[in-house]
Amino acid sequence: MAIAFGSKWEMKVIEFVLGNAPLLKMTNLKWTTHCTLGIEEKIDILKKLLSVKRASKSVEVMFR
């Protein structure tokens, strides 16, 4: 999944997938090339995503 702007809707989609996919083994998240967020904003978004309740206890969330 790609994160372009860290919008509320992007976050909701990622939260939905992580919260409702009990068989998910791994997901790769990456910033799009046209992302204009600063490093602090990206860190805040990543922290929020890591705290999302996941349906799969074994899912590996990778950031690139």
C-alpha atoms as a PDB file:
ATOM      1  CA  MET A   1       0.000   0.000   0.000  1.00  0.00           C
ATOM      2  CA  ALA A   2       1.225   3.456  -0.772  1.00  0.00           C
ATOM      3  CA  ILE A   3       0.872   6.484   1.469  1.00  0.00           C
ATOM      4  CA  ALA A   4       0.728   9.728  -0.480  1.00  0.00           C
ATOM      5  CA  PHE A   5      -0.295  12.397   1.998  1.00  0.00           C
ATOM      6  CA  GLY A   6      -1.195  10.659   5.244  1.00  0.00           C
ATOM      7  CA  SER A   7      -4.778  11.795   4.813  1.00  0.00           C
ATOM      8  CA  LYS A   8      -7.569  10.660   7.092  1.00  0.00           C
ATOM      9  CA  TRP A   9      -8.939   8.461   4.291  1.00  0.00           C
ATOM     10  CA  GLU A  10      -5.610   6.774   3.586  1.00  0.00           C
ATOM     11  CA  MET A  11      -5.244   6.027   7.279  1.00  0.00           C
ATOM     12  CA  LYS A  12      -8.797   4.646   7.488  1.00  0.00           C
ATOM     13  CA  VAL A  13      -8.144   2.234   4.592  1.00  0.00           C
ATOM     14  CA  ILE A  14      -4.940   0.933   6.178  1.00  0.00           C
ATOM     15  CA  GLU A  15      -6.632   0.641   9.591  1.00  0.00           C
ATOM     16  CA  PHE A  16      -9.534  -1.242   7.987  1.00  0.00           C
ATOM     17  CA  VAL A  17      -7.246  -3.737   6.248  1.00  0.00           C
ATOM     18  CA  LEU A  18      -5.136  -4.368   9.357  1.00  0.00           C
ATOM     19  CA  GLY A  19      -8.191  -4.608  11.593  1.00  0.00           C
ATOM     20  CA  ASN A  20     -10.211  -6.946   9.375  1.00  0.00           C
ATOM     21  CA  ALA A  21      -7.760  -9.356   7.739  1.00  0.00           C
ATOM     22  CA  PRO A  22      -7.144 -12.209  10.195  1.00  0.00           C
ATOM     23  CA  LEU A  23      -5.092 -14.226   7.677  1.00  0.00           C
ATOM     24  CA  LEU A  24      -2.813 -11.369   6.627  1.00  0.00           C
ATOM     25  CA  LYS A  25       0.849 -12.359   7.007  1.00  0.00           C
ATOM     26  CA  MET A  26       2.644  -9.238   5.782  1.00  0.00           C
ATOM     27  CA  THR A  27       1.938  -5.785   4.428  1.00  0.00           C
ATOM     28  CA  ASN A  28       4.360  -3.349   2.850  1.00  0.00           C
ATOM     29  CA  LEU A  29       3.727   0.350   3.272  1.00  0.00           C
ATOM     30  CA  LYS A  30       5.700   2.946   1.380  1.00  0.00           C
ATOM     31  CA  TRP A  31       5.631   6.664   0.745  1.00  0.00           C
ATOM     32  CA  THR A  32       4.808   7.718  -2.798  1.00  0.00           C
ATOM     33  CA  THR A  33       7.434   9.670  -4.707  1.00  0.00           C
ATOM     34  CA  HIS A  34       5.278  12.811  -4.621  1.00  0.00           C
ATOM     35  CA  CYS A  35       4.787  12.734  -0.843  1.00  0.00           C
ATOM     36  CA  THR A  36       5.514  16.180   0.585  1.00  0.00           C
ATOM     37  CA  LEU A  37       5.347  15.321   4.283  1.00  0.00           C
ATOM     38  CA  GLY A  38       8.265  16.193   6.520  1.00  0.00           C
ATOM     39  CA  ILE A  39      10.130  13.584   8.553  1.00  0.00           C
ATOM     40  CA  GLU A  40       8.305  14.474  11.800  1.00  0.00           C
ATOM     41  CA  GLU A  41       4.902  14.083  10.123  1.00  0.00           C
ATOM     42  CA  LYS A  42       5.946  10.730   8.679  1.00  0.00           C
ATOM     43  CA  ILE A  43       7.141   9.523  12.082  1.00  0.00           C
ATOM     44  CA  ASP A  44       3.797  10.514  13.652  1.00  0.00           C
ATOM     45  CA  ILE A  45       1.900   8.603  10.962  1.00  0.00           C
ATOM     46  CA  LEU A  46       4.089   5.524  11.382  1.00  0.00           C
ATOM     47  CA  LYS A  47       3.566   5.577  15.156  1.00  0.00           C
ATOM     48  CA  LYS A  48      -0.203   5.720  14.638  1.00  0.00           C
ATOM     49  CA  LEU A  49      -0.103   2.823  12.186  1.00  0.00           C
ATOM     50  CA  LEU A  50       1.982   0.685  14.516  1.00  0.00           C
ATOM     51  CA  SER A  51      -0.580   1.175  17.289  1.00  0.00           C
ATOM     52  CA  VAL A  52      -3.554   0.078  15.146  1.00  0.00           C
ATOM     53  CA  LYS A  53      -5.331  -3.009  16.479  1.00  0.00           C
ATOM     54  CA  ARG A  54      -4.718  -5.898  14.072  1.00  0.00           C
ATOM     55  CA  ALA A  55      -6.962  -8.838  13.313  1.00  0.00           C
ATOM     56  CA  SER A  56      -3.913 -10.996  12.573  1.00  0.00           C
ATOM     57  CA  LYS A  57      -1.620 -11.426  15.561  1.00  0.00           C
ATOM     58  CA  SER A  58       1.236 -12.507  13.291  1.00  0.00           C
ATOM     59  CA  VAL A  59       1.063  -9.797  10.626  1.00  0.00           C
ATOM     60  CA  GLU A  60       4.373  -8.137   9.822  1.00  0.00           C
ATOM     61  CA  VAL A  61       4.064  -4.449   8.915  1.00  0.00           C
ATOM     62  CA  MET A  62       7.012  -3.239   6.860  1.00  0.00           C
ATOM     63  CA  PHE A  63       7.749   0.363   5.925  1.00  0.00           C
ATOM     64  CA  ARG A  64       9.868   1.416   2.988  1.00  0.00           C
END
